[in-house]
PDB file of N, CA and C in Angstrom:
ATOM      1  N   UNK A   1      -6.562 -13.186   4.692  1.00  0.00           N
ATOM      2  CA  UNK A   1      -6.721 -13.300   3.263  1.00  0.00           C
ATOM      3  C   UNK A   1      -5.670 -14.268   2.721  1.00  0.00           C
ATOM      4  N   UNK A   2      -6.087 -15.128   1.820  1.00  0.00           N
ATOM      5  CA  UNK A   2      -5.146 -16.039   1.178  1.00  0.00           C
ATOM      6  C   UNK A   2      -4.554 -15.372  -0.063  1.00  0.00           C
ATOM      7  N   UNK A   3      -3.449 -15.932  -0.553  1.00  0.00           N
ATOM      8  CA  UNK A   3      -2.863 -15.421  -1.792  1.00  0.00           C
ATOM      9  C   UNK A   3      -3.836 -15.603  -2.957  1.00  0.00           C
ATOM     10  N   UNK A   4      -4.589 -16.682  -2.933  1.00  0.00           N
ATOM     11  CA  UNK A   4      -5.579 -16.928  -3.993  1.00  0.00           C
ATOM     12  C   UNK A   4      -6.671 -15.857  -3.970  1.00  0.00           C
ATOM     13  N   UNK A   5      -7.132 -15.494  -2.783  1.00  0.00           N
ATOM     14  CA  UNK A   5      -8.143 -14.429  -2.682  1.00  0.00           C
ATOM     15  C   UNK A   5      -7.591 -13.096  -3.180  1.00  0.00           C
ATOM     16  N   UNK A   6      -6.358 -12.792  -2.804  1.00  0.00           N
ATOM     17  CA  UNK A   6      -5.732 -11.560  -3.260  1.00  0.00           C
ATOM     18  C   UNK A   6      -5.563 -11.573  -4.774  1.00  0.00           C
ATOM     19  N   UNK A   7      -5.176 -12.711  -5.332  1.00  0.00           N
ATOM     20  CA  UNK A   7      -5.016 -12.836  -6.778  1.00  0.00           C
ATOM     21  C   UNK A   7      -6.352 -12.577  -7.488  1.00  0.00           C
ATOM     22  N   UNK A   8      -7.424 -13.076  -6.926  1.00  0.00           N
ATOM     23  CA  UNK A   8      -8.753 -12.846  -7.525  1.00  0.00           C
ATOM     24  C   UNK A   8      -9.106 -11.361  -7.520  1.00  0.00           C
ATOM     25  N   UNK A   9      -8.758 -10.665  -6.458  1.00  0.00           N
ATOM     26  CA  UNK A   9      -9.003  -9.217  -6.398  1.00  0.00           C
ATOM     27  C   UNK A   9      -8.185  -8.520  -7.481  1.00  0.00           C
ATOM     28  N   UNK A  10      -6.926  -8.920  -7.626  1.00  0.00           N
ATOM     29  CA  UNK A  10      -6.054  -8.332  -8.652  1.00  0.00           C
ATOM     30  C   UNK A  10      -6.636  -8.592 -10.042  1.00  0.00           C
ATOM     31  N   UNK A  11      -7.076  -9.803 -10.294  1.00  0.00           N
ATOM     32  CA  UNK A  11      -7.685 -10.138 -11.581  1.00  0.00           C
ATOM     33  C   UNK A  11      -8.927  -9.281 -11.847  1.00  0.00           C
ATOM     34  N   UNK A  12      -9.711  -9.058 -10.794  1.00  0.00           N
ATOM     35  CA  UNK A  12     -10.898  -8.215 -10.922  1.00  0.00           C
ATOM     36  C   UNK A  12     -10.523  -6.787 -11.275  1.00  0.00           C
ATOM     37  N   UNK A  13      -9.481  -6.265 -10.630  1.00  0.00           N
ATOM     38  CA  UNK A  13      -9.027  -4.899 -10.930  1.00  0.00           C
ATOM     39  C   UNK A  13      -8.509  -4.806 -12.367  1.00  0.00           C
ATOM     40  N   UNK A  14      -7.821  -5.858 -12.827  1.00  0.00           N
ATOM     41  CA  UNK A  14      -7.310  -5.883 -14.197  1.00  0.00           C
ATOM     42  C   UNK A  14      -8.475  -5.873 -15.192  1.00  0.00           C
ATOM     43  N   UNK A  15      -9.502  -6.621 -14.892  1.00  0.00           N
ATOM     44  CA  UNK A  15     -10.655  -6.721 -15.786  1.00  0.00           C
ATOM     45  C   UNK A  15     -11.467  -5.427 -15.806  1.00  0.00           C
ATOM     46  N   UNK A  16     -11.726  -4.856 -14.634  1.00  0.00           N
ATOM     47  CA  UNK A  16     -12.642  -3.711 -14.532  1.00  0.00           C
ATOM     48  C   UNK A  16     -11.951  -2.346 -14.558  1.00  0.00           C
ATOM     49  N   UNK A  17     -10.655  -2.311 -14.271  1.00  0.00           N
ATOM     50  CA  UNK A  17      -9.852  -1.088 -14.311  1.00  0.00           C
ATOM     51  C   UNK A  17     -10.517   0.117 -13.630  1.00  0.00           C
ATOM     52  N   UNK A  18     -10.898  -0.017 -12.346  1.00  0.00           N
ATOM     53  CA  UNK A  18     -11.499   1.137 -11.665  1.00  0.00           C
ATOM     54  C   UNK A  18     -10.515   2.308 -11.593  1.00  0.00           C
ATOM     55  N   UNK A  19     -11.041   3.500 -11.730  1.00  0.00           N
ATOM     56  CA  UNK A  19     -10.210   4.707 -11.764  1.00  0.00           C
ATOM     57  C   UNK A  19      -9.395   4.918 -10.495  1.00  0.00           C
ATOM     58  N   UNK A  20      -9.922   4.525  -9.356  1.00  0.00           N
ATOM     59  CA  UNK A  20      -9.261   4.798  -8.073  1.00  0.00           C
ATOM     60  C   UNK A  20      -8.415   3.620  -7.566  1.00  0.00           C
ATOM     61  N   UNK A  21      -8.061   2.695  -8.455  1.00  0.00           N
ATOM     62  CA  UNK A  21      -7.353   1.484  -8.055  1.00  0.00           C
ATOM     63  C   UNK A  21      -5.855   1.579  -8.367  1.00  0.00           C
ATOM     64  N   UNK A  22      -5.039   1.349  -7.333  1.00  0.00           N
ATOM     65  CA  UNK A  22      -3.585   1.296  -7.521  1.00  0.00           C
ATOM     66  C   UNK A  22      -3.225   0.171  -8.483  1.00  0.00           C
ATOM     67  N   UNK A  23      -3.850  -0.976  -8.312  1.00  0.00           N
ATOM     68  CA  UNK A  23      -3.570  -2.125  -9.171  1.00  0.00           C
ATOM     69  C   UNK A  23      -3.889  -1.790 -10.626  1.00  0.00           C
ATOM     70  N   UNK A  24      -5.054  -1.211 -10.861  1.00  0.00           N
ATOM     71  CA  UNK A  24      -5.428  -0.832 -12.229  1.00  0.00           C
ATOM     72  C   UNK A  24      -4.435   0.171 -12.801  1.00  0.00           C
ATOM     73  N   UNK A  25      -3.952   1.090 -11.970  1.00  0.00           N
ATOM     74  CA  UNK A  25      -2.981   2.083 -12.460  1.00  0.00           C
ATOM     75  C   UNK A  25      -1.688   1.407 -12.916  1.00  0.00           C
ATOM     76  N   UNK A  26      -1.277   0.349 -12.224  1.00  0.00           N
ATOM     77  CA  UNK A  26      -0.086  -0.388 -12.653  1.00  0.00           C
ATOM     78  C   UNK A  26      -0.328  -1.085 -13.987  1.00  0.00           C
ATOM     79  N   UNK A  27      -1.496  -1.703 -14.139  1.00  0.00           N
ATOM     80  CA  UNK A  27      -1.806  -2.355 -15.414  1.00  0.00           C
ATOM     81  C   UNK A  27      -1.842  -1.337 -16.547  1.00  0.00           C
ATOM     82  N   UNK A  28      -2.377  -0.166 -16.281  1.00  0.00           N
ATOM     83  CA  UNK A  28      -2.432   0.877 -17.307  1.00  0.00           C
ATOM     84  C   UNK A  28      -1.038   1.346 -17.708  1.00  0.00           C
ATOM     85  N   UNK A  29      -0.109   1.357 -16.758  1.00  0.00           N
ATOM     86  CA  UNK A  29       1.266   1.808 -17.042  1.00  0.00           C
ATOM     87  C   UNK A  29       2.072   0.739 -17.764  1.00  0.00           C
ATOM     88  N   UNK A  30       1.627  -0.497 -17.691  1.00  0.00           N
ATOM     89  CA  UNK A  30       2.255  -1.558 -18.465  1.00  0.00           C
ATOM     90  C   UNK A  30       3.220  -2.440 -17.696  1.00  0.00           C
ATOM     91  N   UNK A  31       3.690  -3.447 -18.401  1.00  0.00           N
ATOM     92  CA  UNK A  31       4.523  -4.490 -17.811  1.00  0.00           C
ATOM     93  C   UNK A  31       5.846  -3.942 -17.268  1.00  0.00           C
ATOM     94  N   UNK A  32       6.427  -2.954 -17.962  1.00  0.00           N
ATOM     95  CA  UNK A  32       7.695  -2.406 -17.484  1.00  0.00           C
ATOM     96  C   UNK A  32       7.553  -1.793 -16.090  1.00  0.00           C
ATOM     97  N   UNK A  33       6.451  -1.103 -15.852  1.00  0.00           N
ATOM     98  CA  UNK A  33       6.237  -0.497 -14.529  1.00  0.00           C
ATOM     99  C   UNK A  33       6.008  -1.576 -13.472  1.00  0.00           C
ATOM    100  N   UNK A  34       5.279  -2.614 -13.827  1.00  0.00           N
ATOM    101  CA  UNK A  34       5.035  -3.717 -12.890  1.00  0.00           C
ATOM    102  C   UNK A  34       6.357  -4.394 -12.551  1.00  0.00           C
ATOM    103  N   UNK A  35       7.180  -4.649 -13.547  1.00  0.00           N
ATOM    104  CA  UNK A  35       8.486  -5.263 -13.328  1.00  0.00           C
ATOM    105  C   UNK A  35       9.345  -4.375 -12.436  1.00  0.00           C
ATOM    106  N   UNK A  36       9.305  -3.082 -12.680  1.00  0.00           N
ATOM    107  CA  UNK A  36      10.073  -2.135 -11.863  1.00  0.00           C
ATOM    108  C   UNK A  36       9.634  -2.207 -10.402  1.00  0.00           C
ATOM    109  N   UNK A  37       8.328  -2.276 -10.159  1.00  0.00           N
ATOM    110  CA  UNK A  37       7.828  -2.351  -8.778  1.00  0.00           C
ATOM    111  C   UNK A  37       8.283  -3.640  -8.102  1.00  0.00           C
ATOM    112  N   UNK A  38       8.279  -4.755  -8.822  1.00  0.00           N
ATOM    113  CA  UNK A  38       8.755  -6.014  -8.244  1.00  0.00           C
ATOM    114  C   UNK A  38      10.223  -5.872  -7.850  1.00  0.00           C
ATOM    115  N   UNK A  39      11.017  -5.266  -8.715  1.00  0.00           N
ATOM    116  CA  UNK A  39      12.429  -5.056  -8.405  1.00  0.00           C
ATOM    117  C   UNK A  39      12.625  -4.172  -7.188  1.00  0.00           C
ATOM    118  N   UNK A  40      11.885  -3.082  -7.126  1.00  0.00           N
ATOM    119  CA  UNK A  40      11.988  -2.172  -5.975  1.00  0.00           C
ATOM    120  C   UNK A  40      11.638  -2.891  -4.683  1.00  0.00           C
ATOM    121  N   UNK A  41      10.562  -3.652  -4.716  1.00  0.00           N
ATOM    122  CA  UNK A  41      10.122  -4.358  -3.502  1.00  0.00           C
ATOM    123  C   UNK A  41      11.129  -5.435  -3.105  1.00  0.00           C
ATOM    124  N   UNK A  42      11.730  -6.111  -4.084  1.00  0.00           N
ATOM    125  CA  UNK A  42      12.731  -7.132  -3.772  1.00  0.00           C
ATOM    126  C   UNK A  42      13.936  -6.505  -3.070  1.00  0.00           C
ATOM    127  N   UNK A  43      14.358  -5.354  -3.555  1.00  0.00           N
ATOM    128  CA  UNK A  43      15.474  -4.647  -2.919  1.00  0.00           C
ATOM    129  C   UNK A  43      15.116  -4.261  -1.485  1.00  0.00           C
ATOM    130  N   UNK A  44      13.888  -3.811  -1.274  1.00  0.00           N
ATOM    131  CA  UNK A  44      13.464  -3.428   0.076  1.00  0.00           C
ATOM    132  C   UNK A  44      13.434  -4.626   1.014  1.00  0.00           C
ATOM    133  N   UNK A  45      13.093  -5.812   0.492  1.00  0.00           N
ATOM    134  CA  UNK A  45      13.148  -7.034   1.304  1.00  0.00           C
ATOM    135  C   UNK A  45      14.585  -7.313   1.713  1.00  0.00           C
ATOM    136  N   UNK A  46      15.505  -7.215   0.770  1.00  0.00           N
ATOM    137  CA  UNK A  46      16.915  -7.479   1.054  1.00  0.00           C
ATOM    138  C   UNK A  46      17.441  -6.515   2.118  1.00  0.00           C
ATOM    139  N   UNK A  47      17.097  -5.243   1.994  1.00  0.00           N
ATOM    140  CA  UNK A  47      17.555  -4.250   2.976  1.00  0.00           C
ATOM    141  C   UNK A  47      16.975  -4.549   4.356  1.00  0.00           C
ATOM    142  N   UNK A  48      15.697  -4.880   4.413  1.00  0.00           N
ATOM    143  CA  UNK A  48      15.072  -5.204   5.698  1.00  0.00           C
ATOM    144  C   UNK A  48      15.730  -6.432   6.322  1.00  0.00           C
ATOM    145  N   UNK A  49      16.027  -7.429   5.493  1.00  0.00           N
ATOM    146  CA  UNK A  49      16.681  -8.636   6.007  1.00  0.00           C
ATOM    147  C   UNK A  49      18.093  -8.333   6.482  1.00  0.00           C
ATOM    148  N   UNK A  50      18.800  -7.513   5.737  1.00  0.00           N
ATOM    149  CA  UNK A  50      20.161  -7.136   6.124  1.00  0.00           C
ATOM    150  C   UNK A  50      20.157  -6.415   7.468  1.00  0.00           C
ATOM    151  N   UNK A  51      19.133  -5.610   7.702  1.00  0.00           N
ATOM    152  CA  UNK A  51      19.006  -4.877   8.962  1.00  0.00           C
ATOM    153  C   UNK A  51      18.399  -5.723  10.079  1.00  0.00           C
ATOM    154  N   UNK A  52      18.046  -6.970   9.759  1.00  0.00           N
ATOM    155  CA  UNK A  52      17.477  -7.915  10.727  1.00  0.00           C
ATOM    156  C   UNK A  52      16.282  -7.328  11.469  1.00  0.00           C
ATOM    157  N   UNK A  53      15.425  -6.656  10.708  1.00  0.00           N
ATOM    158  CA  UNK A  53      14.238  -6.025  11.281  1.00  0.00           C
ATOM    159  C   UNK A  53      13.013  -6.862  10.905  1.00  0.00           C
ATOM    160  N   UNK A  54      12.581  -7.709  11.836  1.00  0.00           N
ATOM    161  CA  UNK A  54      11.509  -8.670  11.563  1.00  0.00           C
ATOM    162  C   UNK A  54      10.236  -8.003  11.053  1.00  0.00           C
ATOM    163  N   UNK A  55       9.792  -6.943  11.703  1.00  0.00           N
ATOM    164  CA  UNK A  55       8.555  -6.277  11.294  1.00  0.00           C
ATOM    165  C   UNK A  55       8.675  -5.719   9.880  1.00  0.00           C
ATOM    166  N   UNK A  56       9.832  -5.136   9.587  1.00  0.00           N
ATOM    167  CA  UNK A  56      10.073  -4.572   8.252  1.00  0.00           C
ATOM    168  C   UNK A  56      10.145  -5.676   7.205  1.00  0.00           C
ATOM    169  N   UNK A  57      10.775  -6.804   7.564  1.00  0.00           N
ATOM    170  CA  UNK A  57      10.840  -7.946   6.638  1.00  0.00           C
ATOM    171  C   UNK A  57       9.428  -8.400   6.293  1.00  0.00           C
ATOM    172  N   UNK A  58       8.593  -8.555   7.313  1.00  0.00           N
ATOM    173  CA  UNK A  58       7.208  -8.987   7.085  1.00  0.00           C
ATOM    174  C   UNK A  58       6.485  -8.013   6.166  1.00  0.00           C
ATOM    175  N   UNK A  59       6.607  -6.734   6.447  1.00  0.00           N
ATOM    176  CA  UNK A  59       5.947  -5.705   5.648  1.00  0.00           C
ATOM    177  C   UNK A  59       6.439  -5.704   4.203  1.00  0.00           C
ATOM    178  N   UNK A  60       7.745  -5.784   4.037  1.00  0.00           N
ATOM    179  CA  UNK A  60       8.307  -5.723   2.686  1.00  0.00           C
ATOM    180  C   UNK A  60       8.032  -7.000   1.894  1.00  0.00           C
ATOM    181  N   UNK A  61       8.046  -8.153   2.548  1.00  0.00           N
ATOM    182  CA  UNK A  61       7.705  -9.397   1.853  1.00  0.00           C
ATOM    183  C   UNK A  61       6.234  -9.360   1.422  1.00  0.00           C
ATOM    184  N   UNK A  62       5.378  -8.804   2.263  1.00  0.00           N
ATOM    185  CA  UNK A  62       3.968  -8.658   1.879  1.00  0.00           C
ATOM    186  C   UNK A  62       3.850  -7.793   0.621  1.00  0.00           C
ATOM    187  N   UNK A  63       4.579  -6.683   0.595  1.00  0.00           N
ATOM    188  CA  UNK A  63       4.576  -5.821  -0.603  1.00  0.00           C
ATOM    189  C   UNK A  63       5.098  -6.567  -1.823  1.00  0.00           C
ATOM    190  N   UNK A  64       6.175  -7.332  -1.636  1.00  0.00           N
ATOM    191  CA  UNK A  64       6.760  -8.077  -2.748  1.00  0.00           C
ATOM    192  C   UNK A  64       5.792  -9.134  -3.271  1.00  0.00           C
ATOM    193  N   UNK A  65       5.177  -9.889  -2.370  1.00  0.00           N
ATOM    194  CA  UNK A  65       4.210 -10.904  -2.802  1.00  0.00           C
ATOM    195  C   UNK A  65       3.055 -10.269  -3.566  1.00  0.00           C
ATOM    196  N   UNK A  66       2.577  -9.134  -3.081  1.00  0.00           N
ATOM    197  CA  UNK A  66       1.496  -8.410  -3.738  1.00  0.00           C
ATOM    198  C   UNK A  66       1.891  -8.045  -5.172  1.00  0.00           C
ATOM    199  N   UNK A  67       3.067  -7.488  -5.326  1.00  0.00           N
ATOM    200  CA  UNK A  67       3.505  -7.075  -6.657  1.00  0.00           C
ATOM    201  C   UNK A  67       3.850  -8.270  -7.550  1.00  0.00           C
ATOM    202  N   UNK A  68       4.320  -9.353  -6.966  1.00  0.00           N
ATOM    203  CA  UNK A  68       4.549 -10.574  -7.747  1.00  0.00           C
ATOM    204  C   UNK A  68       3.222 -11.102  -8.281  1.00  0.00           C
ATOM    205  N   UNK A  69       2.175 -11.067  -7.461  1.00  0.00           N
ATOM    206  CA  UNK A  69       0.863 -11.508  -7.934  1.00  0.00           C
ATOM    207  C   UNK A  69       0.364 -10.630  -9.081  1.00  0.00           C
ATOM    208  N   UNK A  70       0.639  -9.345  -9.019  1.00  0.00           N
ATOM    209  CA  UNK A  70       0.275  -8.453 -10.121  1.00  0.00           C
ATOM    210  C   UNK A  70       1.060  -8.842 -11.373  1.00  0.00           C
ATOM    211  N   UNK A  71       2.354  -9.112 -11.213  1.00  0.00           N
ATOM    212  CA  UNK A  71       3.186  -9.541 -12.331  1.00  0.00           C
ATOM    213  C   UNK A  71       2.666 -10.841 -12.942  1.00  0.00           C
ATOM    214  N   UNK A  72       2.297 -11.780 -12.094  1.00  0.00           N
ATOM    215  CA  UNK A  72       1.737 -13.038 -12.594  1.00  0.00           C
ATOM    216  C   UNK A  72       0.465 -12.773 -13.388  1.00  0.00           C
ATOM    217  N   UNK A  73      -0.419 -11.971 -12.834  1.00  0.00           N
ATOM    218  CA  UNK A  73      -1.668 -11.655 -13.518  1.00  0.00           C
ATOM    219  C   UNK A  73      -1.413 -10.981 -14.863  1.00  0.00           C
ATOM    220  N   UNK A  74      -0.473 -10.057 -14.896  1.00  0.00           N
ATOM    221  CA  UNK A  74      -0.145  -9.351 -16.133  1.00  0.00           C
ATOM    222  C   UNK A  74       0.339 -10.314 -17.213  1.00  0.00           C
ATOM    223  N   UNK A  75       0.903 -11.437 -16.788  1.00  0.00           N
ATOM    224  CA  UNK A  75       1.419 -12.429 -17.727  1.00  0.00           C
ATOM    225  C   UNK A  75       0.533 -13.669 -17.825  1.00  0.00           C
ATOM    226  N   UNK A  76      -0.690 -13.538 -17.313  1.00  0.00           N
ATOM    227  CA  UNK A  76      -1.685 -14.615 -17.376  1.00  0.00           C
ATOM    228  C   UNK A  76      -1.161 -15.925 -16.790  1.00  0.00           C
ATOM    229  N   UNK A  77      -0.519 -15.787 -15.637  1.00  0.00           N
ATOM    230  CA  UNK A  77      -0.011 -16.944 -14.902  1.00  0.00           C
ATOM    231  C   UNK A  77      -0.767 -17.016 -13.582  1.00  0.00           C
ATOM    232  N   UNK A  78      -1.329 -18.169 -13.297  1.00  0.00           N
ATOM    233  CA  UNK A  78      -2.065 -18.352 -12.045  1.00  0.00           C
ATOM    234  C   UNK A  78      -1.107 -18.843 -10.951  1.00  0.00           C
ATOM    235  N   UNK A  79      -1.362 -18.452  -9.702  1.00  0.00           N
ATOM    236  CA  UNK A  79      -0.501 -18.917  -8.601  1.00  0.00           C
ATOM    237  C   UNK A  79      -0.369 -20.441  -8.551  1.00  0.00           C
ATOM    238  N   UNK A  80      -1.419 -21.149  -8.955  1.00  0.00           N
ATOM    239  CA  UNK A  80      -1.366 -22.615  -8.942  1.00  0.00           C
ATOM    240  C   UNK A  80      -0.263 -23.143  -9.852  1.00  0.00           C
ATOM    241  N   UNK A  81       0.044 -22.406 -10.923  1.00  0.00           N
ATOM    242  CA  UNK A  81       1.112 -22.830 -11.825  1.00  0.00           C
ATOM    243  C   UNK A  81       2.470 -22.770 -11.128  1.00  0.00           C
ATOM    244  N   UNK A  82       2.648 -21.784 -10.284  1.00  0.00           N
ATOM    245  CA  UNK A  82       3.892 -21.664  -9.522  1.00  0.00           C
ATOM    246  C   UNK A  82       3.972 -22.790  -8.491  1.00  0.00           C
ATOM    247  N   UNK A  83       2.852 -23.044  -7.816  1.00  0.00           N
ATOM    248  CA  UNK A  83       2.827 -24.130  -6.835  1.00  0.00           C
ATOM    249  C   UNK A  83       3.084 -25.480  -7.494  1.00  0.00           C
ATOM    250  N   UNK A  84       2.549 -25.671  -8.699  1.00  0.00           N
ATOM    251  CA  UNK A  84       2.783 -26.911  -9.452  1.00  0.00           C
ATOM    252  C   UNK A  84       4.273 -27.065  -9.758  1.00  0.00           C
ATOM    253  N   UNK A  85       4.920 -25.981 -10.155  1.00  0.00           N
ATOM    254  CA  UNK A  85       6.359 -26.006 -10.436  1.00  0.00           C
ATOM    255  C   UNK A  85       7.156 -26.342  -9.173  1.00  0.00           C
ATOM    256  N   UNK A  86       6.783 -25.747  -8.054  1.00  0.00           N
ATOM    257  CA  UNK A  86       7.477 -26.027  -6.792  1.00  0.00           C
ATOM    258  C   UNK A  86       7.297 -27.489  -6.387  1.00  0.00           C
ATOM    259  N   UNK A  87       6.090 -28.009  -6.586  1.00  0.00           N
ATOM    260  CA  UNK A  87       5.835 -29.412  -6.257  1.00  0.00           C
ATOM    261  C   UNK A  87       6.662 -30.326  -7.145  1.00  0.00           C
ATOM    262  N   UNK A  88       6.766 -29.989  -8.425  1.00  0.00           N
ATOM    263  CA  UNK A  88       7.576 -30.795  -9.348  1.00  0.00           C
ATOM    264  C   UNK A  88       9.029 -30.790  -8.919  1.00  0.00           C
ATOM    265  N   UNK A  89       9.517 -29.660  -8.457  1.00  0.00           N
ATOM    266  CA  UNK A  89      10.904 -29.584  -7.992  1.00  0.00           C
ATOM    267  C   UNK A  89      11.112 -30.460  -6.770  1.00  0.00           C
ATOM    268  N   UNK A  90      10.122 -30.496  -5.885  1.00  0.00           N
ATOM    269  CA  UNK A  90      10.224 -31.299  -4.675  1.00  0.00           C
ATOM    270  C   UNK A  90      10.281 -32.783  -5.026  1.00  0.00           C
ATOM    271  N   UNK A  91       9.567 -33.201  -6.046  1.00  0.00           N
ATOM    272  CA  UNK A  91       9.530 -34.619  -6.409  1.00  0.00           C
ATOM    273  C   UNK A  91      10.804 -35.070  -7.110  1.00  0.00           C
ATOM    274  N   UNK A  92      11.666 -34.131  -7.505  1.00  0.00           N
ATOM    275  CA  UNK A  92      12.930 -34.477  -8.193  1.00  0.00           C
ATOM    276  C   UNK A  92      14.030 -34.855  -7.215  1.00  0.00           C
ATOM    277  N   UNK A  93      13.770 -34.713  -5.935  1.00  0.00           N
ATOM    278  CA  UNK A  93      14.811 -34.999  -4.926  1.00  0.00           C
ATOM    279  C   UNK A  93      15.140 -36.468  -4.869  1.00  0.00           C
TER     280      UNK A  93
END
């Protein structure tokens, strides 16, 4: 699955708000809860990296990316906008 495909699924959950969806439950709880989850996942990435546990790093980064995509969606930001910003930074070298 690509990040773009995952983002589309997140957008669909935001639009349709299915009762059994974790993503929809985060949107229902609001931006503060989404921000909190991003923070929690970032801390877990740092701990996994500090422990030099490759499998845990992969797992926690996946969780962090997932929650970052939810945060982007909550703020109506598309992943392409982030990639555009990164490309602009690269061209400033």
